[in-house]
Protein backbone atom coordinates (compact mmCIF):
# COMPACT_ATOMS: atom_id res chain seq x y z
CA MET A 1 25.45 13.54 -2.85
CA ASN A 2 23.47 14.53 -5.92
CA ALA A 3 22.17 17.92 -5.04
CA HIS A 4 18.78 17.62 -7.47
CA ASP A 5 17.80 14.40 -5.54
CA MET A 6 18.24 16.05 -2.19
CA ASP A 7 16.26 19.16 -3.22
CA ALA A 8 13.41 17.01 -4.24
CA ILE A 9 13.58 15.29 -1.03
CA ASN A 10 13.94 18.60 1.02
CA ALA A 11 10.93 19.93 -0.79
CA LEU A 12 8.62 17.22 0.62
CA ASP A 13 5.90 18.48 3.17
CA LEU A 14 6.46 16.12 6.35
CA GLU A 15 4.88 18.47 8.83
CA PRO A 16 1.51 16.66 9.06
CA ILE A 17 3.29 13.26 9.54
CA LYS A 18 5.01 15.01 12.45
CA VAL A 19 1.72 16.30 13.61
CA LYS A 20 0.19 12.86 13.69
CA LEU A 21 3.58 11.33 15.31
CA MET A 22 3.13 13.82 18.23
CA HIS A 23 -0.36 13.10 19.03
CA LYS A 24 -0.95 10.77 22.16
CA GLU A 25 -3.98 9.19 21.35
CA SER A 26 -3.48 8.22 17.60
CA GLY A 27 0.35 8.40 17.09
CA GLU A 28 3.42 7.86 19.20
CA GLY A 29 3.28 10.87 21.69
CA TRP A 30 6.88 12.18 20.48
CA SER A 31 8.00 15.38 21.42
CA LEU A 32 8.57 18.25 18.51
CA GLU A 33 12.08 17.94 19.15
CA TYR A 34 12.35 14.22 18.77
CA ALA A 35 9.94 14.52 15.77
CA ASN A 36 12.21 17.10 13.84
CA ALA A 37 15.12 14.54 14.54
CA MET A 38 13.41 11.69 12.90
CA GLU A 39 12.19 14.08 10.17
CA PHE A 40 15.84 14.74 9.56
CA GLU A 41 16.89 11.07 9.38
CA TYR A 42 13.98 10.16 7.38
CA ARG A 43 14.72 12.42 4.56
CA ARG A 44 18.30 11.04 4.71
CA PHE A 45 16.81 7.30 4.32
CA LEU A 46 14.74 8.26 1.42
CA PHE A 47 17.97 9.86 -0.18
CA ILE A 48 20.01 6.43 0.44
CA MET A 49 17.04 4.74 -1.12
CA LYS A 50 17.20 6.91 -4.05
CA ARG A 51 20.73 6.80 -4.36
CA TYR A 52 21.27 2.99 -3.84
CA PRO A 53 18.22 1.41 -5.40
CA HIS A 54 19.43 -2.09 -5.70
CA GLU A 55 21.00 -2.48 -2.20
CA GLN A 56 19.48 -4.14 0.73
CA ALA A 57 19.52 -1.82 3.33
CA ALA A 58 16.78 -0.15 6.01
CA PRO A 59 16.55 2.48 8.70
CA LEU A 60 16.69 2.54 12.29
CA MET A 61 13.49 1.77 14.31
CA ASP A 62 12.14 5.16 14.85
CA VAL A 63 12.95 6.15 11.38
CA ASP A 64 10.89 3.25 10.07
CA ILE A 65 8.17 4.39 12.39
CA PHE A 66 8.16 8.02 10.82
CA TRP A 67 7.94 6.20 7.14
CA HIS A 68 4.89 3.97 8.68
CA TYR A 69 3.07 7.16 9.46
CA HIS A 70 3.85 8.54 6.20
CA ILE A 71 2.54 5.44 4.28
CA LEU A 72 -0.65 5.79 6.30
CA ASP A 73 -1.51 9.14 4.31
CA THR A 74 -2.00 7.06 1.35
CA MET A 75 -2.66 9.85 -1.31
CA LYS A 76 0.18 12.08 -0.15
CA TYR A 77 2.60 9.14 0.18
CA ALA A 78 1.99 8.11 -3.57
CA VAL A 79 2.55 11.75 -4.68
CA ASP A 80 5.52 12.22 -2.49
CA CYS A 81 7.07 8.96 -4.03
CA ASP A 82 6.36 9.83 -7.51
CA ALA A 83 8.01 13.26 -6.70
CA VAL A 84 11.12 11.79 -5.63
CA PHE A 85 11.53 8.37 -7.16
CA GLY A 86 9.36 8.46 -10.03
CA GLN A 87 7.22 5.39 -8.83
CA PHE A 88 5.65 4.01 -5.66
CA LEU A 89 8.17 2.97 -3.08
CA HIS A 90 6.81 -0.20 -1.65
CA HIS A 91 6.98 -1.48 1.84
CA PHE A 92 7.55 -5.26 2.67
CA PRO A 93 6.91 -6.12 6.47
CA TYR A 94 8.01 -9.62 7.20
CA ILE A 95 11.95 -9.54 7.04
CA GLY A 96 13.51 -11.16 10.41
CA LEU A 97 10.01 -13.13 10.81
CA ARG A 98 10.74 -16.41 8.72
CA GLY A 99 13.34 -18.24 10.80
CA GLU A 100 17.07 -18.12 11.85
CA ASP A 101 18.34 -17.10 8.64
CA ASP A 102 15.79 -14.65 7.94
CA GLU A 103 16.87 -13.14 11.64
CA ALA A 104 20.72 -13.01 10.34
CA ALA A 105 19.64 -11.53 7.13
CA HIS A 106 17.85 -8.94 9.16
CA VAL A 107 20.89 -7.88 11.00
CA ARG A 108 23.13 -7.93 7.90
CA ILE A 109 20.85 -5.52 6.05
CA GLY A 110 20.81 -3.28 8.99
CA ASN A 111 24.82 -3.16 9.22
CA ARG A 112 24.63 -2.43 5.48
CA MET A 113 22.54 0.66 6.07
CA LYS A 114 24.86 1.68 8.34
CA GLU A 115 27.92 1.33 5.77
CA LEU A 116 26.06 3.36 3.23
CA TYR A 117 24.76 6.00 5.55
CA GLU A 118 28.42 6.71 6.92
CA GLU A 119 29.67 6.55 3.38
CA THR A 120 27.13 9.15 2.23
CA PHE A 121 26.96 11.63 4.66
CA GLU A 122 30.53 11.12 6.35
CA GLU A 123 28.69 11.01 9.75
CA ASP A 124 28.20 8.56 12.43
CA TYR A 125 25.17 6.56 12.01
CA ILE A 126 24.42 6.28 15.57
CA ARG A 127 25.38 10.14 17.22
CA LEU A 128 25.41 11.10 20.55
CA ALA A 129 23.76 14.49 21.87
CA GLY A 130 23.57 15.70 25.29
CA GLY A 131 24.81 12.24 26.60
CA GLN A 132 21.73 10.16 24.93
CA GLN A 133 21.48 8.69 21.88
CA ASN A 134 20.10 10.84 19.29
CA ALA A 135 16.46 9.99 18.25
CA TYR A 136 16.82 6.29 18.07
CA SER A 137 14.79 3.53 19.64
CA ALA A 138 16.75 0.45 20.81
CA SER A 139 17.39 -2.06 23.55
CA PRO A 140 20.36 -1.08 25.74
CA GLY A 141 23.55 -1.32 23.90
CA ALA A 142 22.12 -2.43 20.77
CA THR A 143 20.77 -0.76 17.60
CA ALA A 144 17.34 -1.34 16.45
CA TYR A 145 17.00 -2.20 12.61
CA SER A 146 14.24 -2.54 10.09
CA ALA A 147 14.91 -4.43 6.88
CA SER A 148 14.10 -5.27 3.39
CA PRO A 149 14.73 -7.28 0.40
CA GLY A 150 15.86 -5.10 -2.64
CA THR A 151 14.05 -1.93 -2.65
CA GLN A 152 10.70 -3.23 -0.75
CA LYS A 153 11.66 -1.84 2.71
CA ALA A 154 10.29 -3.68 5.94
CA ALA A 155 7.75 -2.53 8.56
CA TYR A 156 9.68 -4.08 11.75
CA SER A 157 13.08 -3.91 13.55
CA ALA A 158 15.17 -5.72 16.07
CA SER A 159 18.29 -5.43 17.70
CA PRO A 160 21.31 -7.28 16.43
CA GLY A 161 21.90 -10.80 17.62
CA VAL A 162 18.52 -10.65 19.62
CA THR A 163 15.25 -12.03 18.58
CA LYS A 164 13.03 -9.02 19.53
CA THR A 165 9.75 -7.79 17.81
CA ALA A 166 9.72 -3.89 17.29
CA TYR A 167 6.42 -2.27 18.39
CA SER A 168 5.01 0.67 17.31
CA ALA A 169 4.95 2.42 20.64
CA SER A 170 5.95 5.40 22.72
CA PRO A 171 8.54 5.48 25.21
CA GLY A 172 7.54 2.91 28.12
CA ALA A 173 4.47 2.08 26.70
CA LEU A 174 2.96 -0.52 24.08
CA LYS A 175 0.44 1.22 21.85
CA ALA A 176 -2.36 -0.81 20.30
CA ALA A 177 -3.04 -0.44 16.64
CA TYR A 178 -6.51 0.36 16.83
CA SER A 179 -8.62 2.97 14.82
CA ALA A 180 -10.22 4.25 18.08
CA SER A 181 -9.32 4.46 21.61
CA PRO A 182 -9.81 1.25 23.51
CA GLY A 183 -12.54 1.81 26.14
CA ALA A 184 -13.35 5.05 24.51
CA VAL A 185 -16.58 5.86 22.88
CA LYS A 186 -14.64 7.23 19.82
CA SER A 187 -15.42 7.02 16.15
CA ALA A 188 -12.86 6.11 13.71
CA TYR A 189 -13.27 7.57 10.27
CA SER A 190 -11.01 6.59 7.40
CA ALA A 191 -11.67 6.52 3.50
CA ALA A 192 -9.80 6.10 0.22
CA PRO A 193 -10.74 6.86 -3.38
CA GLY A 194 -13.09 4.18 -4.51
CA ILE A 195 -13.81 2.58 -1.14
CA ALA A 196 -15.45 3.05 2.10
CA ALA A 197 -13.08 2.32 5.11
CA TYR A 198 -14.52 2.22 8.83
CA SER A 199 -13.87 0.85 12.01
CA ALA A 200 -14.34 1.75 15.64
CA SER A 201 -13.71 0.85 19.12
CA PRO A 202 -16.07 -1.31 21.08
CA GLY A 203 -19.39 0.14 21.70
CA ALA A 204 -18.79 3.16 19.15
CA THR A 205 -20.09 3.80 15.62
CA ALA A 206 -18.22 2.99 12.48
CA TYR A 207 -19.33 5.37 9.95
CA SER A 208 -19.45 4.86 6.10
CA ALA A 209 -21.32 5.90 3.06
CA SER A 210 -24.75 4.01 2.46
CA PRO A 211 -24.76 1.12 -0.20
CA GLY A 212 -24.43 2.22 -3.87
CA ALA A 213 -23.55 5.88 -2.95
CA ALA A 214 -19.98 4.79 -1.18
CA ASN A 215 -17.88 5.67 -4.32
CA ALA A 216 -19.58 9.00 -5.38
CA ALA A 217 -19.45 10.34 -1.82
CA ILE A 218 -15.86 9.46 -0.86
CA GLU A 219 -14.34 10.77 -4.06
CA GLN A 220 -16.35 13.97 -3.47
CA ALA A 221 -15.01 14.24 0.03
CA ARG A 222 -11.44 13.55 -1.25
CA LEU A 223 -11.59 16.32 -3.58
CA SER A 224 -13.34 18.46 -0.95
CA SER A 225 -10.96 20.35 1.67
CA PHE A 226 -12.05 17.40 4.33
CA TYR A 227 -9.34 14.96 2.67
CA SER A 228 -6.85 18.11 1.47
CA GLU A 229 -6.16 20.20 4.39
CA ARG A 230 -3.89 18.39 6.80
CA PRO A 231 -3.10 19.34 10.09
CA ARG A 232 -0.18 21.80 10.71
CA LEU A 233 2.08 22.37 13.77
CA THR A 234 0.75 25.86 14.08
CA PRO A 235 -3.07 25.68 12.96
CA ALA A 236 -3.99 28.70 10.41
CA ALA A 237 -5.90 31.41 12.16
């Protein structure tokens, strides 16, 4: 392994991503132990993407979910990609959804990831810990893969030989992709440089800057602590 590349990946601050994943309402409700395991595997995934930029390979499902949440923090993800890859690592979410040949490619690409992982780290791709599969989400007896063409990674997964959709959900529950909790009076806030992003659950208020002032207001907010201070596992006193 290239020590310099791994050092750059290990230097990434992924703690806020874990906080989001552990949140029950807006994340996946993962335990700290599980989030730590996925962080470990996600860093290894990034290393493989760095080492084999022209390979068609992709992570297991919950590593893919960790990647999704990293991408959601768009400003941080862009900076982190530049630090590791020198460019933006894109995400293509449709492999396996375009017919039988695509499904077969989905499985093949997932199996290629297994080969690269075991060659690189000299460890089994699927490891057992305490009698249970370690930090992977899959149907019984199967491995859940996500897939990609080239270096454009995908945002879904399925079990080999089975046509399945992989949902972003905590164990035993399908979690909907809403910006606010269904049935709850909650406001959903979001913003990015140069645009006003907003949404909310039914009956709730969606906030944004007033017309003509949106760009300036959001750019000011981005530079303030509101968009630069990220949550920690142990909040500062």
